[in-house]
Amino acid sequence: MKPGLFILMFIAVLSGCAVKPVVSDTSSSAVAAKPDNASDQEADVFSRLRGHWDDLHPNACRDSHQLSFNDDRTKMYIKSDDGGWVTEDDKRNVFSYDILSVHPNRLRTQLENEPRLDGEGESVVWHIILLDDNTHCWGRDDWHPRSCTPPRMRCPG
């Protein structure tokens, strides 16, 4: 990562601003979220995403959130003791997502009761993208395919 991009992302995280730095989305093919038919590579994205993540420094992990899935891999859950904000009026401790499609390095999801709308007036669709085994970020259907939020880091242990 270029030093200037890291500084921009760090400032954006601290200030709460949303920036969309360019990252690589390595997959363009998708399959429906059906675990019985999921290949090893597709199933691996679930195991690679499962765990505790933090928005800032992974060694601190004071505000970490836990990412998990239901048994049939049709739902993704993000739990945070401190909660997180969807909008300034909508704070949640558990975010529940429907899994729309599975890719080798990302999941295409939709937050239940998503209040944010895209340019077409539809609820936004989110992509959780694995950048490597210890880093992920978020993209959206209505963003450039290589755009992403500041990264989240896996907590140790």
Protein backbone atom coordinates (compact mmCIF):
# COMPACT_ATOMS: atom_id res chain seq x y z
CA MET A 1 0.00 0.00 0.00
CA LYS A 2 1.29 3.45 -0.82
CA PRO A 3 2.15 5.53 2.29
CA GLY A 4 -0.17 8.37 1.25
CA LEU A 5 -3.10 5.98 0.84
CA PHE A 6 -2.49 4.49 4.29
CA ILE A 7 -2.44 7.96 5.87
CA LEU A 8 -5.65 8.90 4.03
CA MET A 9 -7.38 5.73 5.21
CA PHE A 10 -6.11 6.20 8.79
CA ILE A 11 -7.40 9.79 8.90
CA ALA A 12 -10.72 8.68 7.41
CA VAL A 13 -11.13 5.97 10.06
CA LEU A 14 -10.35 8.39 12.89
CA SER A 15 -12.68 11.06 11.54
CA GLY A 16 -15.48 8.66 10.63
CA CYS A 17 -15.37 9.70 6.98
CA ALA A 18 -16.11 7.17 4.27
CA VAL A 19 -13.40 6.93 1.66
CA LYS A 20 -13.19 4.48 -1.17
CA PRO A 21 -9.54 3.67 -1.93
CA VAL A 22 -8.86 1.39 -4.86
CA VAL A 23 -8.25 -2.24 -4.00
CA SER A 24 -8.32 -5.43 -5.99
CA ASP A 25 -11.48 -7.50 -6.16
CA THR A 26 -10.10 -10.77 -7.46
CA SER A 27 -13.29 -12.48 -8.52
CA SER A 28 -15.87 -11.71 -11.15
CA SER A 29 -17.74 -15.04 -11.06
CA ALA A 30 -20.47 -15.79 -8.56
CA VAL A 31 -22.49 -18.74 -7.35
CA ALA A 32 -25.65 -18.81 -5.30
CA ALA A 33 -25.16 -19.19 -1.54
CA LYS A 34 -25.90 -22.93 -1.36
CA PRO A 35 -23.51 -24.74 0.97
CA ASP A 36 -24.38 -28.23 -0.36
CA ASN A 37 -22.98 -27.20 -3.76
CA ALA A 38 -20.18 -24.94 -2.52
CA SER A 39 -16.69 -25.84 -3.67
CA ASP A 40 -13.80 -26.00 -1.19
CA GLN A 41 -12.64 -22.58 -2.39
CA GLU A 42 -16.10 -21.06 -1.89
CA ALA A 43 -16.51 -22.72 1.53
CA ASP A 44 -13.09 -21.38 2.48
CA VAL A 45 -14.28 -17.78 2.21
CA PHE A 46 -16.65 -18.49 5.10
CA SER A 47 -13.92 -19.95 7.33
CA ARG A 48 -11.52 -17.14 6.38
CA LEU A 49 -14.07 -14.45 7.32
CA ARG A 50 -15.24 -16.06 10.57
CA GLY A 51 -13.70 -14.50 13.69
CA HIS A 52 -13.01 -11.21 15.47
CA TRP A 53 -12.11 -8.07 13.51
CA ASP A 54 -11.30 -4.48 14.44
CA ASP A 55 -11.55 -1.25 12.49
CA LEU A 56 -8.31 0.20 13.81
CA HIS A 57 -5.21 -1.49 15.16
CA PRO A 58 -5.58 -5.29 15.38
CA ASN A 59 -3.41 -5.54 18.52
CA ALA A 60 -5.80 -3.37 20.52
CA CYS A 61 -9.07 -5.03 19.44
CA ARG A 62 -10.97 -3.05 22.07
CA ASP A 63 -13.91 -2.37 19.76
CA SER A 64 -13.79 -5.64 17.88
CA HIS A 65 -16.75 -7.21 16.20
CA GLN A 66 -17.40 -10.92 15.71
CA LEU A 67 -18.29 -12.19 12.25
CA SER A 68 -20.17 -15.51 12.01
CA PHE A 69 -22.58 -17.44 9.79
CA ASN A 70 -25.64 -19.63 10.25
CA ASP A 71 -25.25 -23.36 9.52
CA ASP A 72 -26.64 -23.21 5.99
CA ARG A 73 -24.52 -20.14 5.13
CA THR A 74 -27.44 -18.01 4.03
CA LYS A 75 -26.93 -15.44 6.81
CA MET A 76 -23.94 -13.52 8.08
CA TYR A 77 -23.91 -11.91 11.52
CA ILE A 78 -21.69 -9.16 12.86
CA LYS A 79 -21.92 -8.71 16.63
CA SER A 80 -20.40 -5.87 18.61
CA ASP A 81 -20.74 -5.25 22.34
CA ASP A 82 -20.39 -1.52 21.78
CA GLY A 83 -22.69 -1.54 18.77
CA GLY A 84 -22.32 0.23 15.48
CA TRP A 85 -24.24 2.83 13.56
CA VAL A 86 -26.12 2.20 10.33
CA THR A 87 -27.36 5.80 10.33
CA GLU A 88 -27.22 8.48 13.02
CA ASP A 89 -30.61 7.21 14.26
CA ASP A 90 -29.97 3.46 13.89
CA LYS A 91 -27.49 1.86 16.31
CA ARG A 92 -27.29 -1.95 16.38
CA ASN A 93 -25.40 -4.55 18.39
CA VAL A 94 -26.09 -7.27 15.82
CA PHE A 95 -26.04 -6.74 12.08
CA SER A 96 -27.74 -9.52 10.14
CA TYR A 97 -27.04 -9.90 6.42
CA ASP A 98 -28.63 -12.10 3.78
CA ILE A 99 -25.94 -13.75 1.66
CA LEU A 100 -26.86 -13.14 -1.97
CA SER A 101 -23.86 -14.79 -3.66
CA VAL A 102 -20.54 -16.41 -2.84
CA HIS A 103 -17.25 -15.63 -4.57
CA PRO A 104 -13.78 -17.04 -3.80
CA ASN A 105 -12.67 -13.85 -1.99
CA ARG A 106 -15.90 -12.07 -1.18
CA LEU A 107 -19.56 -12.37 -0.27
CA ARG A 108 -22.29 -10.25 -1.78
CA THR A 109 -24.74 -9.41 1.03
CA GLN A 110 -27.68 -7.27 2.00
CA LEU A 111 -28.16 -5.90 5.50
CA GLU A 112 -31.59 -6.73 6.93
CA ASN A 113 -33.70 -3.58 7.27
CA GLU A 114 -31.12 -1.58 5.31
CA PRO A 115 -32.21 2.09 5.38
CA ARG A 116 -29.59 3.37 2.90
CA LEU A 117 -30.55 3.57 -0.76
CA ASP A 118 -28.48 3.55 -3.93
CA GLY A 119 -28.95 5.95 -6.84
CA GLU A 120 -31.83 3.83 -8.16
CA GLY A 121 -33.73 4.05 -4.88
CA GLU A 122 -32.98 0.41 -3.95
CA SER A 123 -31.46 -0.83 -0.69
CA VAL A 124 -27.68 -0.94 -1.04
CA VAL A 125 -25.98 -4.30 -1.56
CA TRP A 126 -22.69 -4.82 0.26
CA HIS A 127 -19.61 -6.86 -0.67
CA ILE A 128 -17.36 -8.06 2.14
CA ILE A 129 -14.01 -8.50 0.38
CA LEU A 130 -11.06 -10.49 1.71
CA LEU A 131 -7.87 -8.64 0.83
CA ASP A 132 -5.83 -11.39 2.53
CA ASP A 133 -6.42 -13.81 5.43
CA ASN A 134 -6.13 -11.00 8.01
CA THR A 135 -7.71 -8.03 6.22
CA HIS A 136 -11.11 -7.31 4.71
CA CYS A 137 -12.98 -4.26 3.49
CA TRP A 138 -16.46 -3.42 2.25
CA GLY A 139 -17.62 -2.48 -1.23
CA ARG A 140 -21.06 -1.94 -2.71
CA ASP A 141 -22.90 -2.78 -5.93
CA ASP A 142 -23.21 0.92 -6.76
CA TRP A 143 -19.49 1.67 -6.23
CA HIS A 144 -16.70 1.14 -8.72
CA PRO A 145 -15.80 -2.62 -8.63
CA ARG A 146 -12.36 -1.84 -7.19
CA SER A 147 -13.57 0.62 -4.53
CA CYS A 148 -13.47 -0.30 -0.88
CA THR A 149 -13.86 1.13 2.63
CA PRO A 150 -10.86 1.41 4.94
CA PRO A 151 -9.75 -2.12 5.86
CA ARG A 152 -10.65 -4.09 8.96
CA MET A 153 -7.93 -6.21 10.57
CA ARG A 154 -8.25 -9.66 12.16
CA CYS A 155 -7.74 -9.69 15.93
CA PRO A 156 -4.99 -12.01 17.17
CA GLY A 157 -5.92 -15.23 18.93
